[in-house]
PDB file of N, CA and C in Angstrom:
ATOM      1  N   MET A   1     -22.591 -53.893 -39.409  1.00  0.00           N
ATOM      2  CA  MET A   1     -22.180 -55.537 -39.471  1.00  0.00           C
ATOM      3  C   MET A   1     -22.208 -56.063 -38.074  1.00  0.00           C
ATOM      4  N   ARG A   2     -22.509 -57.557 -38.494  1.00  0.00           N
ATOM      5  CA  ARG A   2     -22.439 -58.346 -37.411  1.00  0.00           C
ATOM      6  C   ARG A   2     -21.059 -59.225 -37.136  1.00  0.00           C
ATOM      7  N   CYS A   3     -20.450 -58.621 -35.521  1.00  0.00           N
ATOM      8  CA  CYS A   3     -19.672 -59.631 -35.452  1.00  0.00           C
ATOM      9  C   CYS A   3     -19.548 -60.523 -33.997  1.00  0.00           C
ATOM     10  N   VAL A   4     -18.536 -61.273 -33.856  1.00  0.00           N
ATOM     11  CA  VAL A   4     -18.799 -62.049 -32.295  1.00  0.00           C
ATOM     12  C   VAL A   4     -17.323 -62.123 -31.962  1.00  0.00           C
ATOM     13  N   ILE A   5     -18.113 -61.097 -30.733  1.00  0.00           N
ATOM     14  CA  ILE A   5     -16.773 -60.820 -29.560  1.00  0.00           C
ATOM     15  C   ILE A   5     -17.013 -61.592 -28.164  1.00  0.00           C
ATOM     16  N   ALA A   6     -16.168 -62.104 -27.834  1.00  0.00           N
ATOM     17  CA  ALA A   6     -16.504 -62.893 -26.401  1.00  0.00           C
ATOM     18  C   ALA A   6     -17.106 -63.400 -26.593  1.00  0.00           C
ATOM     19  N   SER A   7     -17.690 -64.379 -27.700  1.00  0.00           N
ATOM     20  CA  SER A   7     -18.585 -65.503 -28.224  1.00  0.00           C
ATOM     21  C   SER A   7     -19.711 -65.266 -27.985  1.00  0.00           C
ATOM     22  N   PHE A   8     -20.041 -63.156 -28.184  1.00  0.00           N
ATOM     23  CA  PHE A   8     -21.354 -62.827 -27.993  1.00  0.00           C
ATOM     24  C   PHE A   8     -21.677 -62.221 -29.418  1.00  0.00           C
ATOM     25  N   PRO A   9     -22.436 -62.234 -30.064  1.00  0.00           N
ATOM     26  CA  PRO A   9     -22.940 -61.471 -31.011  1.00  0.00           C
ATOM     27  C   PRO A   9     -23.325 -59.964 -31.170  1.00  0.00           C
ATOM     28  N   PHE A  10     -23.052 -59.296 -31.883  1.00  0.00           N
ATOM     29  CA  PHE A  10     -23.170 -57.655 -31.831  1.00  0.00           C
ATOM     30  C   PHE A  10     -23.339 -56.947 -33.326  1.00  0.00           C
ATOM     31  N   ASP A  11     -24.186 -56.370 -33.202  1.00  0.00           N
ATOM     32  CA  ASP A  11     -24.563 -55.375 -34.573  1.00  0.00           C
ATOM     33  C   ASP A  11     -23.887 -54.046 -34.723  1.00  0.00           C
ATOM     34  N   LEU A  12     -22.693 -53.935 -35.171  1.00  0.00           N
ATOM     35  CA  LEU A  12     -21.989 -52.995 -35.323  1.00  0.00           C
ATOM     36  C   LEU A  12     -21.940 -51.783 -36.416  1.00  0.00           C
ATOM     37  N   VAL A  13     -22.314 -50.651 -36.312  1.00  0.00           N
ATOM     38  CA  VAL A  13     -22.063 -49.642 -37.050  1.00  0.00           C
ATOM     39  C   VAL A  13     -21.338 -48.757 -36.731  1.00  0.00           C
ATOM     40  N   LYS A  14     -20.082 -48.109 -38.528  1.00  0.00           N
ATOM     41  CA  LYS A  14     -19.470 -47.545 -37.985  1.00  0.00           C
ATOM     42  C   LYS A  14     -19.776 -46.000 -37.356  1.00  0.00           C
ATOM     43  N   GLY A  15     -20.993 -45.362 -37.783  1.00  0.00           N
ATOM     44  CA  GLY A  15     -21.285 -44.304 -37.264  1.00  0.00           C
ATOM     45  C   GLY A  15     -21.957 -44.598 -35.741  1.00  0.00           C
ATOM     46  N   GLU A  16     -22.308 -45.727 -35.404  1.00  0.00           N
ATOM     47  CA  GLU A  16     -22.654 -45.757 -33.950  1.00  0.00           C
ATOM     48  C   GLU A  16     -21.688 -45.589 -32.858  1.00  0.00           C
ATOM     49  N   VAL A  17     -20.173 -46.462 -33.370  1.00  0.00           N
ATOM     50  CA  VAL A  17     -18.957 -46.317 -32.521  1.00  0.00           C
ATOM     51  C   VAL A  17     -18.370 -45.133 -32.521  1.00  0.00           C
ATOM     52  N   GLU A  18     -18.598 -43.910 -33.825  1.00  0.00           N
ATOM     53  CA  GLU A  18     -17.847 -42.539 -33.615  1.00  0.00           C
ATOM     54  C   GLU A  18     -18.587 -42.048 -32.746  1.00  0.00           C
ATOM     55  N   GLN A  19     -20.296 -42.536 -32.677  1.00  0.00           N
ATOM     56  CA  GLN A  19     -20.794 -41.338 -31.589  1.00  0.00           C
ATOM     57  C   GLN A  19     -20.518 -41.934 -30.385  1.00  0.00           C
ATOM     58  N   SER A  20     -20.311 -43.464 -30.138  1.00  0.00           N
ATOM     59  CA  SER A  20     -20.190 -43.745 -28.970  1.00  0.00           C
ATOM     60  C   SER A  20     -18.873 -43.364 -28.384  1.00  0.00           C
ATOM     61  N   MET A  21     -17.724 -42.962 -28.977  1.00  0.00           N
ATOM     62  CA  MET A  21     -16.587 -42.914 -28.698  1.00  0.00           C
ATOM     63  C   MET A  21     -16.212 -41.331 -28.333  1.00  0.00           C
ATOM     64  N   SER A  22     -17.555 -40.687 -29.343  1.00  0.00           N
ATOM     65  CA  SER A  22     -17.334 -39.146 -29.380  1.00  0.00           C
ATOM     66  C   SER A  22     -16.624 -38.080 -27.744  1.00  0.00           C
ATOM     67  N   GLY A  23     -17.621 -38.807 -26.791  1.00  0.00           N
ATOM     68  CA  GLY A  23     -17.507 -38.344 -25.616  1.00  0.00           C
ATOM     69  C   GLY A  23     -16.344 -38.397 -24.726  1.00  0.00           C
ATOM     70  N   VAL A  24     -15.346 -39.737 -24.921  1.00  0.00           N
ATOM     71  CA  VAL A  24     -14.732 -40.371 -24.109  1.00  0.00           C
ATOM     72  C   VAL A  24     -12.940 -39.841 -24.904  1.00  0.00           C
ATOM     73  N   GLU A  25     -12.754 -39.744 -23.227  1.00  0.00           N
ATOM     74  CA  GLU A  25     -11.043 -39.429 -23.529  1.00  0.00           C
ATOM     75  C   GLU A  25     -10.932 -40.680 -23.829  1.00  0.00           C
ATOM     76  N   PRO A  26      -9.181 -40.208 -24.925  1.00  0.00           N
ATOM     77  CA  PRO A  26      -8.610 -41.894 -24.942  1.00  0.00           C
ATOM     78  C   PRO A  26      -7.023 -41.886 -23.649  1.00  0.00           C
ATOM     79  N   GLU A  27      -7.488 -43.713 -23.055  1.00  0.00           N
ATOM     80  CA  GLU A  27      -6.113 -43.608 -22.695  1.00  0.00           C
ATOM     81  C   GLU A  27      -5.393 -43.430 -23.055  1.00  0.00           C
ATOM     82  N   PRO A  28      -4.028 -43.756 -21.869  1.00  0.00           N
ATOM     83  CA  PRO A  28      -2.278 -43.462 -22.945  1.00  0.00           C
ATOM     84  C   PRO A  28      -2.549 -44.683 -23.784  1.00  0.00           C
ATOM     85  N   VAL A  29      -1.980 -45.355 -24.817  1.00  0.00           N
ATOM     86  CA  VAL A  29      -1.847 -46.059 -25.582  1.00  0.00           C
ATOM     87  C   VAL A  29      -0.273 -47.228 -25.147  1.00  0.00           C
ATOM     88  N   THR A  30      -0.570 -47.996 -24.952  1.00  0.00           N
ATOM     89  CA  THR A  30       0.262 -49.221 -24.722  1.00  0.00           C
ATOM     90  C   THR A  30       0.304 -50.316 -25.503  1.00  0.00           C
ATOM     91  N   GLY A  31      -1.017 -50.981 -26.097  1.00  0.00           N
ATOM     92  CA  GLY A  31      -0.834 -51.607 -26.961  1.00  0.00           C
ATOM     93  C   GLY A  31      -1.354 -51.317 -28.462  1.00  0.00           C
ATOM     94  N   VAL A  32      -2.303 -52.056 -29.004  1.00  0.00           N
ATOM     95  CA  VAL A  32      -2.603 -51.957 -30.452  1.00  0.00           C
ATOM     96  C   VAL A  32      -4.062 -51.069 -30.108  1.00  0.00           C
ATOM     97  N   SER A  33      -3.707 -49.828 -31.142  1.00  0.00           N
ATOM     98  CA  SER A  33      -4.756 -48.750 -31.292  1.00  0.00           C
ATOM     99  C   SER A  33      -5.649 -48.662 -32.344  1.00  0.00           C
ATOM    100  N   VAL A  34      -6.494 -47.835 -32.171  1.00  0.00           N
ATOM    101  CA  VAL A  34      -7.449 -47.561 -33.466  1.00  0.00           C
ATOM    102  C   VAL A  34      -7.691 -46.095 -33.515  1.00  0.00           C
ATOM    103  N   THR A  35      -7.629 -45.476 -34.723  1.00  0.00           N
ATOM    104  CA  THR A  35      -8.170 -44.103 -34.689  1.00  0.00           C
ATOM    105  C   THR A  35      -9.265 -43.741 -35.022  1.00  0.00           C
ATOM    106  N   ILE A  36     -10.099 -43.270 -34.656  1.00  0.00           N
ATOM    107  CA  ILE A  36     -11.359 -42.656 -34.517  1.00  0.00           C
ATOM    108  C   ILE A  36     -11.578 -41.476 -34.260  1.00  0.00           C
ATOM    109  N   GLY A  37     -12.277 -40.666 -35.795  1.00  0.00           N
ATOM    110  CA  GLY A  37     -12.265 -38.940 -36.082  1.00  0.00           C
ATOM    111  C   GLY A  37     -10.673 -39.013 -36.058  1.00  0.00           C
ATOM    112  N   ARG A  38     -10.470 -37.418 -35.000  1.00  0.00           N
ATOM    113  CA  ARG A  38      -9.120 -37.309 -34.631  1.00  0.00           C
ATOM    114  C   ARG A  38      -8.297 -37.961 -33.601  1.00  0.00           C
ATOM    115  N   ARG A  39      -9.004 -39.004 -32.931  1.00  0.00           N
ATOM    116  CA  ARG A  39      -8.012 -38.879 -31.765  1.00  0.00           C
ATOM    117  C   ARG A  39      -7.244 -41.143 -31.456  1.00  0.00           C
ATOM    118  N   VAL A  40      -6.536 -41.199 -31.068  1.00  0.00           N
ATOM    119  CA  VAL A  40      -6.217 -42.392 -31.292  1.00  0.00           C
ATOM    120  C   VAL A  40      -6.656 -43.238 -29.580  1.00  0.00           C
ATOM    121  N   TYR A  41      -7.251 -44.035 -29.911  1.00  0.00           N
ATOM    122  CA  TYR A  41      -7.690 -45.115 -28.179  1.00  0.00           C
ATOM    123  C   TYR A  41      -6.887 -46.147 -28.272  1.00  0.00           C
ATOM    124  N   PRO A  42      -6.951 -47.207 -27.352  1.00  0.00           N
ATOM    125  CA  PRO A  42      -6.808 -48.397 -27.248  1.00  0.00           C
ATOM    126  C   PRO A  42      -6.957 -49.258 -27.656  1.00  0.00           C
ATOM    127  N   VAL A  43      -7.459 -50.389 -28.129  1.00  0.00           N
ATOM    128  CA  VAL A  43      -8.762 -51.188 -28.796  1.00  0.00           C
ATOM    129  C   VAL A  43      -9.570 -51.756 -27.774  1.00  0.00           C
ATOM    130  N   MET A  44      -8.770 -52.521 -26.574  1.00  0.00           N
ATOM    131  CA  MET A  44      -9.248 -52.600 -25.611  1.00  0.00           C
ATOM    132  C   MET A  44     -10.650 -51.520 -24.352  1.00  0.00           C
ATOM    133  N   GLN A  45      -9.974 -50.256 -24.577  1.00  0.00           N
ATOM    134  CA  GLN A  45     -10.947 -49.329 -24.200  1.00  0.00           C
ATOM    135  C   GLN A  45     -12.164 -48.679 -25.374  1.00  0.00           C
ATOM    136  N   VAL A  46     -11.954 -49.368 -26.722  1.00  0.00           N
ATOM    137  CA  VAL A  46     -13.215 -49.018 -27.389  1.00  0.00           C
ATOM    138  C   VAL A  46     -14.327 -50.362 -27.552  1.00  0.00           C
ATOM    139  N   GLY A  47     -13.231 -51.442 -26.866  1.00  0.00           N
ATOM    140  CA  GLY A  47     -14.073 -53.039 -27.030  1.00  0.00           C
ATOM    141  C   GLY A  47     -14.810 -52.497 -25.810  1.00  0.00           C
ATOM    142  N   GLU A  48     -14.256 -51.798 -25.015  1.00  0.00           N
ATOM    143  CA  GLU A  48     -15.070 -52.028 -23.220  1.00  0.00           C
ATOM    144  C   GLU A  48     -16.396 -51.179 -23.381  1.00  0.00           C
ATOM    145  N   VAL A  49     -16.269 -49.838 -24.134  1.00  0.00           N
ATOM    146  CA  VAL A  49     -17.198 -49.380 -24.489  1.00  0.00           C
ATOM    147  C   VAL A  49     -18.129 -49.437 -25.319  1.00  0.00           C
ATOM    148  N   ILE A  50     -17.986 -50.205 -26.204  1.00  0.00           N
ATOM    149  CA  ILE A  50     -18.931 -50.886 -27.357  1.00  0.00           C
ATOM    150  C   ILE A  50     -19.780 -51.728 -26.863  1.00  0.00           C
ATOM    151  N   THR A  51     -19.040 -52.778 -26.050  1.00  0.00           N
ATOM    152  CA  THR A  51     -20.004 -53.684 -25.923  1.00  0.00           C
ATOM    153  C   THR A  51     -20.321 -53.948 -24.805  1.00  0.00           C
ATOM    154  N   ARG A  52     -20.077 -52.898 -23.847  1.00  0.00           N
ATOM    155  CA  ARG A  52     -19.994 -53.090 -22.484  1.00  0.00           C
ATOM    156  C   ARG A  52     -20.172 -53.951 -21.450  1.00  0.00           C
ATOM    157  N   GLN A  53     -18.790 -54.765 -21.919  1.00  0.00           N
ATOM    158  CA  GLN A  53     -18.102 -55.912 -21.564  1.00  0.00           C
ATOM    159  C   GLN A  53     -16.953 -55.700 -20.717  1.00  0.00           C
ATOM    160  N   ASP A  54     -16.512 -56.299 -19.437  1.00  0.00           N
ATOM    161  CA  ASP A  54     -15.267 -55.991 -19.166  1.00  0.00           C
ATOM    162  C   ASP A  54     -14.055 -56.737 -19.835  1.00  0.00           C
ATOM    163  N   ARG A  55     -12.958 -55.751 -20.418  1.00  0.00           N
ATOM    164  CA  ARG A  55     -11.528 -55.722 -20.666  1.00  0.00           C
ATOM    165  C   ARG A  55     -11.439 -57.317 -20.830  1.00  0.00           C
ATOM    166  N   ARG A  56     -11.675 -57.937 -19.163  1.00  0.00           N
ATOM    167  CA  ARG A  56     -10.560 -59.335 -19.386  1.00  0.00           C
ATOM    168  C   ARG A  56     -11.560 -60.696 -20.419  1.00  0.00           C
ATOM    169  N   ASP A  57     -12.841 -59.891 -20.815  1.00  0.00           N
ATOM    170  CA  ASP A  57     -13.884 -61.115 -21.498  1.00  0.00           C
ATOM    171  C   ASP A  57     -13.384 -61.177 -23.048  1.00  0.00           C
ATOM    172  N   PHE A  58     -12.755 -60.352 -23.769  1.00  0.00           N
ATOM    173  CA  PHE A  58     -11.932 -60.262 -24.983  1.00  0.00           C
ATOM    174  C   PHE A  58     -10.356 -59.887 -25.143  1.00  0.00           C
ATOM    175  N   THR A  59     -10.264 -60.263 -26.388  1.00  0.00           N
ATOM    176  CA  THR A  59      -9.130 -60.247 -26.416  1.00  0.00           C
ATOM    177  C   THR A  59      -9.151 -58.988 -27.942  1.00  0.00           C
ATOM    178  N   SER A  60      -7.658 -58.145 -27.908  1.00  0.00           N
ATOM    179  CA  SER A  60      -7.133 -57.173 -28.529  1.00  0.00           C
ATOM    180  C   SER A  60      -8.054 -57.442 -29.855  1.00  0.00           C
ATOM    181  N   GLY A  61      -7.125 -58.676 -30.421  1.00  0.00           N
ATOM    182  CA  GLY A  61      -7.163 -59.299 -31.591  1.00  0.00           C
ATOM    183  C   GLY A  61      -8.738 -59.324 -32.245  1.00  0.00           C
ATOM    184  N   GLU A  62      -9.645 -59.631 -31.609  1.00  0.00           N
ATOM    185  CA  GLU A  62     -11.007 -59.788 -31.894  1.00  0.00           C
ATOM    186  C   GLU A  62     -11.262 -58.108 -31.956  1.00  0.00           C
ATOM    187  N   MET A  63     -10.740 -57.237 -31.061  1.00  0.00           N
ATOM    188  CA  MET A  63     -11.698 -55.776 -31.457  1.00  0.00           C
ATOM    189  C   MET A  63     -11.053 -55.404 -32.576  1.00  0.00           C
ATOM    190  N   ARG A  64      -9.556 -55.627 -32.735  1.00  0.00           N
ATOM    191  CA  ARG A  64      -8.521 -55.189 -34.009  1.00  0.00           C
ATOM    192  C   ARG A  64      -9.490 -55.679 -35.504  1.00  0.00           C
ATOM    193  N   ARG A  65      -9.793 -56.819 -35.210  1.00  0.00           N
ATOM    194  CA  ARG A  65     -10.446 -57.672 -35.969  1.00  0.00           C
ATOM    195  C   ARG A  65     -12.203 -56.944 -36.864  1.00  0.00           C
ATOM    196  N   ALA A  66     -12.571 -57.259 -35.677  1.00  0.00           N
ATOM    197  CA  ALA A  66     -13.861 -56.209 -36.050  1.00  0.00           C
ATOM    198  C   ALA A  66     -13.885 -54.622 -36.241  1.00  0.00           C
ATOM    199  N   LEU A  67     -13.162 -54.024 -35.432  1.00  0.00           N
ATOM    200  CA  LEU A  67     -12.876 -52.104 -35.906  1.00  0.00           C
ATOM    201  C   LEU A  67     -12.355 -52.260 -37.238  1.00  0.00           C
ATOM    202  N   THR A  68     -11.354 -53.510 -37.910  1.00  0.00           N
ATOM    203  CA  THR A  68     -10.981 -53.029 -39.169  1.00  0.00           C
ATOM    204  C   THR A  68     -12.163 -53.210 -40.344  1.00  0.00           C
ATOM    205  N   ARG A  69     -12.670 -54.284 -39.786  1.00  0.00           N
ATOM    206  CA  ARG A  69     -14.183 -54.739 -40.612  1.00  0.00           C
ATOM    207  C   ARG A  69     -14.894 -53.632 -41.047  1.00  0.00           C
ATOM    208  N   LEU A  70     -15.000 -52.670 -40.039  1.00  0.00           N
ATOM    209  CA  LEU A  70     -16.030 -52.002 -39.953  1.00  0.00           C
ATOM    210  C   LEU A  70     -15.055 -50.766 -40.476  1.00  0.00           C
ATOM    211  N   GLY A  71     -13.815 -50.443 -40.881  1.00  0.00           N
ATOM    212  CA  GLY A  71     -13.490 -49.396 -41.584  1.00  0.00           C
ATOM    213  C   GLY A  71     -12.478 -48.556 -40.998  1.00  0.00           C
ATOM    214  N   PHE A  72     -12.169 -48.982 -39.717  1.00  0.00           N
ATOM    215  CA  PHE A  72     -11.158 -48.130 -38.314  1.00  0.00           C
ATOM    216  C   PHE A  72      -9.841 -48.339 -39.256  1.00  0.00           C
ATOM    217  N   THR A  73      -9.318 -47.755 -39.105  1.00  0.00           N
ATOM    218  CA  THR A  73      -7.373 -47.808 -38.925  1.00  0.00           C
ATOM    219  C   THR A  73      -6.738 -48.310 -37.338  1.00  0.00           C
ATOM    220  N   CYS A  74      -6.202 -49.143 -37.724  1.00  0.00           N
ATOM    221  CA  CYS A  74      -5.574 -50.238 -36.530  1.00  0.00           C
ATOM    222  C   CYS A  74      -4.283 -49.809 -36.528  1.00  0.00           C
ATOM    223  N   HIS A  75      -3.248 -49.915 -35.584  1.00  0.00           N
ATOM    224  CA  HIS A  75      -2.114 -49.659 -35.528  1.00  0.00           C
ATOM    225  C   HIS A  75      -1.643 -50.568 -34.222  1.00  0.00           C
ATOM    226  N   ASP A  76      -0.355 -51.049 -34.500  1.00  0.00           N
ATOM    227  CA  ASP A  76       0.484 -52.112 -34.188  1.00  0.00           C
ATOM    228  C   ASP A  76       0.756 -50.928 -32.808  1.00  0.00           C
ATOM    229  N   ALA A  77       1.038 -52.012 -31.721  1.00  0.00           N
ATOM    230  CA  ALA A  77       1.941 -51.688 -30.632  1.00  0.00           C
ATOM    231  C   ALA A  77       2.993 -50.481 -30.481  1.00  0.00           C
ATOM    232  N   PRO A  78       3.397 -49.343 -29.825  1.00  0.00           N
ATOM    233  CA  PRO A  78       3.715 -48.477 -29.902  1.00  0.00           C
ATOM    234  C   PRO A  78       5.599 -49.087 -29.597  1.00  0.00           C
ATOM    235  N   PRO A  79       6.581 -49.147 -30.253  1.00  0.00           N
ATOM    236  CA  PRO A  79       8.451 -49.510 -30.068  1.00  0.00           C
ATOM    237  C   PRO A  79       8.440 -49.122 -28.492  1.00  0.00           C
ATOM    238  N   VAL A  80       8.937 -50.315 -27.997  1.00  0.00           N
ATOM    239  CA  VAL A  80       9.326 -49.976 -26.575  1.00  0.00           C
ATOM    240  C   VAL A  80      10.756 -49.250 -26.809  1.00  0.00           C
ATOM    241  N   ALA A  81      11.168 -48.288 -26.017  1.00  0.00           N
ATOM    242  CA  ALA A  81      12.432 -47.647 -25.958  1.00  0.00           C
ATOM    243  C   ALA A  81      13.487 -48.833 -25.364  1.00  0.00           C
ATOM    244  N   PRO A  82      14.195 -48.532 -26.035  1.00  0.00           N
ATOM    245  CA  PRO A  82      15.406 -49.732 -25.269  1.00  0.00           C
ATOM    246  C   PRO A  82      16.346 -48.826 -23.976  1.00  0.00           C
ATOM    247  N   ALA A  83      16.680 -50.297 -23.539  1.00  0.00           N
ATOM    248  CA  ALA A  83      16.908 -49.644 -21.933  1.00  0.00           C
ATOM    249  C   ALA A  83      18.684 -49.516 -21.752  1.00  0.00           C
ATOM    250  N   ALA A  84      18.912 -48.265 -21.162  1.00  0.00           N
ATOM    251  CA  ALA A  84      20.413 -47.453 -21.528  1.00  0.00           C
ATOM    252  C   ALA A  84      21.223 -48.655 -20.910  1.00  0.00           C
ATOM    253  N   GLN A  85      22.312 -48.986 -21.933  1.00  0.00           N
ATOM    254  CA  GLN A  85      23.149 -49.307 -22.258  1.00  0.00           C
ATOM    255  C   GLN A  85      24.072 -49.386 -20.942  1.00  0.00           C
ATOM    256  N   VAL A  86      24.644 -50.523 -20.070  1.00  0.00           N
ATOM    257  CA  VAL A  86      25.908 -50.064 -19.197  1.00  0.00           C
ATOM    258  C   VAL A  86      27.173 -50.632 -19.647  1.00  0.00           C
ATOM    259  N   ARG A  87      28.470 -50.059 -20.014  1.00  0.00           N
ATOM    260  CA  ARG A  87      29.589 -50.451 -20.236  1.00  0.00           C
ATOM    261  C   ARG A  87      29.984 -51.294 -19.234  1.00  0.00           C
ATOM    262  N   PRO A  88      31.133 -52.342 -19.729  1.00  0.00           N
ATOM    263  CA  PRO A  88      31.253 -53.276 -18.999  1.00  0.00           C
ATOM    264  C   PRO A  88      32.731 -52.853 -18.186  1.00  0.00           C
ATOM    265  N   ASP A  89      32.919 -51.763 -18.768  1.00  0.00           N
ATOM    266  CA  ASP A  89      33.844 -51.675 -17.844  1.00  0.00           C
ATOM    267  C   ASP A  89      33.183 -50.809 -16.181  1.00  0.00           C
ATOM    268  N   GLU A  90      31.628 -50.359 -16.298  1.00  0.00           N
ATOM    269  CA  GLU A  90      31.270 -49.829 -15.183  1.00  0.00           C
ATOM    270  C   GLU A  90      30.079 -51.050 -13.722  1.00  0.00           C
ATOM    271  N   GLY A  91      30.274 -50.678 -13.083  1.00  0.00           N
ATOM    272  CA  GLY A  91      29.767 -51.966 -12.270  1.00  0.00           C
ATOM    273  C   GLY A  91      28.010 -51.462 -12.575  1.00  0.00           C
ATOM    274  N   ALA A  92      27.227 -52.427 -11.529  1.00  0.00           N
ATOM    275  CA  ALA A  92      25.956 -51.776 -11.919  1.00  0.00           C
ATOM    276  C   ALA A  92      25.229 -50.746 -11.676  1.00  0.00           C
ATOM    277  N   LEU A  93      25.665 -50.075 -10.791  1.00  0.00           N
ATOM    278  CA  LEU A  93      25.232 -48.775 -10.377  1.00  0.00           C
ATOM    279  C   LEU A  93      25.775 -47.488 -11.043  1.00  0.00           C
ATOM    280  N   GLY A  94      26.044 -47.871 -12.421  1.00  0.00           N
ATOM    281  CA  GLY A  94      26.767 -47.049 -13.358  1.00  0.00           C
ATOM    282  C   GLY A  94      28.339 -46.118 -12.615  1.00  0.00           C
ATOM    283  N   TRP A  95      29.032 -46.423 -11.252  1.00  0.00           N
ATOM    284  CA  TRP A  95      30.119 -46.101 -11.411  1.00  0.00           C
ATOM    285  C   TRP A  95      31.338 -46.023 -12.310  1.00  0.00           C
TER     286      TRP A  95
END
């Protein structure tokens, strides 16, 4: 499938993406992620591997769109844990 990522055209095939990511260890997920095989990768890591471009050259939206069109399942960023609540009668140091 032909995709344009960071103004460059790429002919991507699902099997080739799976093969490219087969020996790559997933980084910790902090944003949008994609499931490839049994592993979950950040979409920016996948984009860097399959396009051989720097992560600053493309967006997670471009990669998410391309990977979804190829048939991969993309996931939103994990929810952020809420900060600890400080009661009004306690000081800023929690005393």
